C-alpha atoms as a PDB file:
ATOM      1  CA  MET A   1     -32.098  -8.355  -7.218  1.00  0.00           C
ATOM      2  CA  GLN A   2     -31.518  -4.981  -5.850  1.00  0.00           C
ATOM      3  CA  PHE A   3     -33.156  -2.914  -8.527  1.00  0.00           C
ATOM      4  CA  VAL A   4     -35.598  -5.266 -10.411  1.00  0.00           C
ATOM      5  CA  LYS A   5     -38.777  -5.417  -8.428  1.00  0.00           C
ATOM      6  CA  THR A   6     -40.902  -7.860 -10.244  1.00  0.00           C
ATOM      7  CA  GLU A   7     -40.671 -11.559 -10.107  1.00  0.00           C
ATOM      8  CA  PRO A   8     -38.293 -12.788 -12.857  1.00  0.00           C
ATOM      9  CA  GLY A   9     -40.274 -13.362 -16.247  1.00  0.00           C
ATOM     10  CA  LYS A  10     -43.349 -11.513 -15.280  1.00  0.00           C
ATOM     11  CA  ASP A  11     -44.767  -8.624 -17.512  1.00  0.00           C
ATOM     12  CA  PRO A  12     -44.365  -5.813 -16.735  1.00  0.00           C
ATOM     13  CA  ILE A  13     -40.588  -5.729 -15.758  1.00  0.00           C
ATOM     14  CA  ILE A  14     -40.460  -2.847 -12.994  1.00  0.00           C
ATOM     15  CA  VAL A  15     -36.910  -1.468 -12.146  1.00  0.00           C
ATOM     16  CA  GLU A  16     -36.401   1.227  -9.256  1.00  0.00           C
ATOM     17  CA  GLY A  17     -33.395   2.935  -8.115  1.00  0.00           C
ATOM     18  CA  PHE A  18     -32.084   5.812  -6.155  1.00  0.00           C
ATOM     19  CA  PHE A  19     -29.147   7.771  -7.686  1.00  0.00           C
ATOM     20  CA  ALA A  20     -27.039  10.237  -5.644  1.00  0.00           C
ATOM     21  CA  ALA A  21     -27.306  12.991  -8.540  1.00  0.00           C
ATOM     22  CA  THR A  22     -29.939  15.422  -9.799  1.00  0.00           C
ATOM     23  CA  PRO A  23     -32.601  14.518 -12.110  1.00  0.00           C
ATOM     24  CA  ALA A  24     -30.824  16.560 -14.726  1.00  0.00           C
ATOM     25  CA  LYS A  25     -27.645  14.609 -14.510  1.00  0.00           C
ATOM     26  CA  VAL A  26     -29.284  11.169 -14.251  1.00  0.00           C
ATOM     27  CA  PHE A  27     -31.418  12.092 -17.171  1.00  0.00           C
ATOM     28  CA  GLU A  28     -28.140  13.082 -19.155  1.00  0.00           C
ATOM     29  CA  ALA A  29     -26.869   9.619 -18.312  1.00  0.00           C
ATOM     30  CA  TRP A  30     -29.781   8.102 -20.247  1.00  0.00           C
ATOM     31  CA  THR A  31     -29.583  10.533 -22.968  1.00  0.00           C
ATOM     32  CA  LYS A  32     -25.750  11.147 -23.866  1.00  0.00           C
ATOM     33  CA  PRO A  33     -24.162   8.401 -25.917  1.00  0.00           C
ATOM     34  CA  ASP A  34     -20.768   9.087 -24.527  1.00  0.00           C
ATOM     35  CA  ILE A  35     -22.182   8.165 -20.931  1.00  0.00           C
ATOM     36  CA  VAL A  36     -24.660   5.519 -22.038  1.00  0.00           C
ATOM     37  CA  VAL A  37     -21.889   3.404 -23.618  1.00  0.00           C
ATOM     38  CA  LYS A  38     -20.434   3.397 -20.040  1.00  0.00           C
ATOM     39  CA  TRP A  39     -23.204   1.881 -18.087  1.00  0.00           C
ATOM     40  CA  PHE A  40     -25.631   0.047 -20.408  1.00  0.00           C
ATOM     41  CA  GLY A  41     -25.210  -3.675 -20.559  1.00  0.00           C
ATOM     42  CA  HIS A  42     -24.312  -6.785 -18.889  1.00  0.00           C
ATOM     43  CA  LYS A  43     -20.897  -5.363 -18.205  1.00  0.00           C
ATOM     44  CA  PRO A  44     -19.555  -1.740 -17.915  1.00  0.00           C
ATOM     45  CA  ASN A  45     -18.442  -0.387 -21.318  1.00  0.00           C
ATOM     46  CA  SER A  46     -19.958  -3.500 -23.045  1.00  0.00           C
ATOM     47  CA  LEU A  47     -21.507  -1.204 -26.030  1.00  0.00           C
ATOM     48  CA  HIS A  48     -19.782  -0.872 -29.353  1.00  0.00           C
ATOM     49  CA  SER A  49     -21.554   2.366 -29.804  1.00  0.00           C
ATOM     50  CA  ALA A  50     -24.803   4.300 -28.966  1.00  0.00           C
ATOM     51  CA  SER A  51     -26.720   7.032 -31.181  1.00  0.00           C
ATOM     52  CA  ILE A  52     -29.357   8.990 -29.819  1.00  0.00           C
ATOM     53  CA  ASP A  53     -31.928  11.499 -31.487  1.00  0.00           C
ATOM     54  CA  LEU A  54     -33.654  12.719 -28.418  1.00  0.00           C
ATOM     55  CA  ARG A  55     -36.991  13.849 -29.707  1.00  0.00           C
ATOM     56  CA  PRO A  56     -40.347  12.294 -30.109  1.00  0.00           C
ATOM     57  CA  GLY A  57     -40.091  10.135 -33.241  1.00  0.00           C
ATOM     58  CA  GLY A  58     -36.498  10.340 -33.014  1.00  0.00           C
ATOM     59  CA  GLU A  59     -34.300   6.985 -33.186  1.00  0.00           C
ATOM     60  CA  TRP A  60     -32.012   5.394 -30.754  1.00  0.00           C
ATOM     61  CA  GLN A  61     -29.602   2.692 -31.149  1.00  0.00           C
ATOM     62  CA  PHE A  62     -27.296   0.933 -28.849  1.00  0.00           C
ATOM     63  CA  LEU A  63     -24.853  -1.598 -30.606  1.00  0.00           C
ATOM     64  CA  LEU A  64     -23.546  -4.311 -28.605  1.00  0.00           C
ATOM     65  CA  SER A  65     -21.310  -6.011 -31.327  1.00  0.00           C
ATOM     66  CA  LYS A  66     -20.392  -5.616 -35.168  1.00  0.00           C
ATOM     67  CA  ASP A  67     -18.386  -7.704 -37.272  1.00  0.00           C
ATOM     68  CA  ASP A  68     -18.163  -8.722 -41.067  1.00  0.00           C
ATOM     69  CA  ASP A  69     -20.967 -10.989 -40.764  1.00  0.00           C
ATOM     70  CA  LYS A  70     -23.601  -9.225 -38.331  1.00  0.00           C
ATOM     71  CA  SER A  71     -24.424  -6.318 -36.144  1.00  0.00           C
ATOM     72  CA  ILE A  72     -26.211  -7.098 -32.855  1.00  0.00           C
ATOM     73  CA  GLY A  73     -28.121  -4.386 -30.671  1.00  0.00           C
ATOM     74  CA  PHE A  74     -31.188  -2.775 -29.535  1.00  0.00           C
ATOM     75  CA  GLU A  75     -33.096   0.207 -30.956  1.00  0.00           C
ATOM     76  CA  GLY A  76     -36.511   2.024 -31.023  1.00  0.00           C
ATOM     77  CA  LEU A  77     -38.140   5.395 -31.244  1.00  0.00           C
ATOM     78  CA  TYR A  78     -38.677   7.960 -28.635  1.00  0.00           C
ATOM     79  CA  GLN A  79     -42.343   8.660 -28.044  1.00  0.00           C
ATOM     80  CA  ASP A  80     -42.137  11.202 -25.252  1.00  0.00           C
ATOM     81  CA  VAL A  81     -39.295  13.146 -24.040  1.00  0.00           C
ATOM     82  CA  LEU A  82     -39.558  15.495 -20.851  1.00  0.00           C
ATOM     83  CA  PRO A  83     -36.077  16.500 -20.049  1.00  0.00           C
ATOM     84  CA  GLY A  84     -35.147  15.632 -16.380  1.00  0.00           C
ATOM     85  CA  GLU A  85     -38.715  13.971 -15.885  1.00  0.00           C
ATOM     86  CA  LYS A  86     -39.695  11.300 -18.229  1.00  0.00           C
ATOM     87  CA  LEU A  87     -38.423   9.128 -21.403  1.00  0.00           C
ATOM     88  CA  VAL A  88     -40.743   6.807 -23.137  1.00  0.00           C
ATOM     89  CA  PHE A  89     -39.551   4.588 -26.225  1.00  0.00           C
ATOM     90  CA  SER A  90     -40.021   1.649 -28.122  1.00  0.00           C
ATOM     91  CA  TRP A  91     -37.527  -1.411 -27.776  1.00  0.00           C
ATOM     92  CA  ALA A  92     -36.346  -4.161 -29.967  1.00  0.00           C
ATOM     93  CA  HIS A  93     -33.373  -6.465 -29.968  1.00  0.00           C
ATOM     94  CA  VAL A  94     -31.994  -6.371 -33.638  1.00  0.00           C
ATOM     95  CA  VAL A  95     -29.663  -8.722 -35.525  1.00  0.00           C
ATOM     96  CA  GLU A  96     -28.466  -7.133 -38.978  1.00  0.00           C
ATOM     97  CA  HIS A  97     -26.639  -9.658 -41.439  1.00  0.00           C
ATOM     98  CA  ALA A  98     -24.094  -8.390 -43.920  1.00  0.00           C
ATOM     99  CA  ASN A  99     -26.405  -9.605 -46.760  1.00  0.00           C
ATOM    100  CA  GLY A 100     -29.095  -7.192 -45.617  1.00  0.00           C
ATOM    101  CA  GLU A 101     -31.241  -9.649 -43.774  1.00  0.00           C
ATOM    102  CA  ARG A 102     -32.622  -8.246 -40.622  1.00  0.00           C
ATOM    103  CA  GLU A 103     -34.196  -9.992 -37.418  1.00  0.00           C
ATOM    104  CA  GLU A 104     -36.011  -7.947 -35.014  1.00  0.00           C
ATOM    105  CA  THR A 105     -38.079  -8.903 -31.960  1.00  0.00           C
ATOM    106  CA  PRO A 106     -41.524  -7.459 -31.712  1.00  0.00           C
ATOM    107  CA  ARG A 107     -41.374  -3.767 -30.216  1.00  0.00           C
ATOM    108  CA  SER A 108     -41.899  -3.501 -26.688  1.00  0.00           C
ATOM    109  CA  ARG A 109     -42.431  -0.268 -24.402  1.00  0.00           C
ATOM    110  CA  VAL A 110     -40.155   1.294 -21.928  1.00  0.00           C
ATOM    111  CA  GLU A 111     -41.059   4.313 -19.628  1.00  0.00           C
ATOM    112  CA  VAL A 112     -38.430   5.882 -17.297  1.00  0.00           C
ATOM    113  CA  THR A 113     -39.422   8.496 -14.609  1.00  0.00           C
ATOM    114  CA  PHE A 114     -37.045  10.759 -12.961  1.00  0.00           C
ATOM    115  CA  THR A 115     -38.193  12.161  -9.544  1.00  0.00           C
ATOM    116  CA  SER A 116     -36.193  14.365  -7.429  1.00  0.00           C
ATOM    117  CA  LYS A 117     -35.734  12.889  -3.948  1.00  0.00           C
ATOM    118  CA  GLY A 118     -33.717  14.435  -1.021  1.00  0.00           C
ATOM    119  CA  GLN A 119     -30.011  14.659  -2.405  1.00  0.00           C
ATOM    120  CA  GLY A 120     -30.801  12.552  -5.389  1.00  0.00           C
ATOM    121  CA  THR A 121     -33.083  10.952  -7.934  1.00  0.00           C
ATOM    122  CA  PHE A 122     -35.481   8.241  -7.768  1.00  0.00           C
ATOM    123  CA  VAL A 123     -35.758   6.348 -11.204  1.00  0.00           C
ATOM    124  CA  ARG A 124     -38.621   4.081 -12.202  1.00  0.00           C
ATOM    125  CA  LEU A 125     -38.627   2.031 -15.204  1.00  0.00           C
ATOM    126  CA  VAL A 126     -41.461   0.003 -16.677  1.00  0.00           C
ATOM    127  CA  HIS A 127     -40.688  -2.271 -19.380  1.00  0.00           C
ATOM    128  CA  THR A 128     -43.996  -3.640 -20.976  1.00  0.00           C
ATOM    129  CA  ALA A 129     -45.156  -6.007 -23.774  1.00  0.00           C
ATOM    130  CA  ILE A 130     -42.157  -8.181 -23.996  1.00  0.00           C
ATOM    131  CA  SER A 131     -43.276 -11.216 -26.059  1.00  0.00           C
ATOM    132  CA  ASN A 132     -42.131 -14.013 -23.721  1.00  0.00           C
ATOM    133  CA  GLU A 133     -41.051 -15.142 -20.491  1.00  0.00           C
ATOM    134  CA  ASP A 134     -37.396 -16.153 -21.514  1.00  0.00           C
ATOM    135  CA  SER A 135     -37.037 -12.678 -23.129  1.00  0.00           C
ATOM    136  CA  ARG A 136     -38.423 -10.953 -19.901  1.00  0.00           C
ATOM    137  CA  ARG A 137     -35.871 -12.792 -17.772  1.00  0.00           C
ATOM    138  CA  GLY A 138     -32.978 -11.820 -20.018  1.00  0.00           C
ATOM    139  CA  ILE A 139     -34.156  -8.229 -20.212  1.00  0.00           C
ATOM    140  CA  GLY A 140     -34.763  -8.139 -16.419  1.00  0.00           C
ATOM    141  CA  GLY A 141     -31.200  -9.443 -15.825  1.00  0.00           C
ATOM    142  CA  GLY A 142     -29.858  -6.682 -18.326  1.00  0.00           C
ATOM    143  CA  TRP A 143     -31.706  -3.792 -16.658  1.00  0.00           C
ATOM    144  CA  GLU A 144     -30.411  -4.986 -13.143  1.00  0.00           C
ATOM    145  CA  ALA A 145     -26.901  -5.014 -14.528  1.00  0.00           C
ATOM    146  CA  ALA A 146     -27.327  -1.704 -16.223  1.00  0.00           C
ATOM    147  CA  PHE A 147     -28.848   0.120 -13.178  1.00  0.00           C
ATOM    148  CA  THR A 148     -25.733  -1.174 -11.097  1.00  0.00           C
ATOM    149  CA  HIS A 149     -23.360   0.306 -13.316  1.00  0.00           C
ATOM    150  CA  MET A 150     -25.161   3.454 -13.673  1.00  0.00           C
ATOM    151  CA  ASP A 151     -25.162   3.638  -9.813  1.00  0.00           C
ATOM    152  CA  ASP A 152     -21.234   3.177  -9.994  1.00  0.00           C
ATOM    153  CA  ILE A 153     -21.067   5.991 -12.614  1.00  0.00           C
ATOM    154  CA  LEU A 154     -23.243   8.476 -10.857  1.00  0.00           C
ATOM    155  CA  SER A 155     -21.873   7.934  -7.249  1.00  0.00           C
END
């Protein structure tokens, strides 16, 4: 893998990449819903929608799919927001059924740092406290794909 630096299935998942854009522009790619929907996911433009309340305690939600029976996505709360420098947020995979039932994985933690380097930005993501190895493998593959799509959008 180009971006994932840890062995598949290990905790934490560490993802690193260099992007040919300023820290402000890369941070914007992480925090503007209309940009997030273009790069987040296993395929480009695979999100149904994204909503972001960018402040400590603010909620974020990325919706992968939605039909009459259920919606599937990811969500969490921002814990730390330093524009152009750092994002820290909780993370859970969520399935909401039409009858109101909700399935949610235990919350994990994501920390993303943005560091100016030459003519671009070095991004380091550390995703910790994922409950099991299979989930870590899936999430690691997802981050690899997402960083690849983000690289395409920012270059």
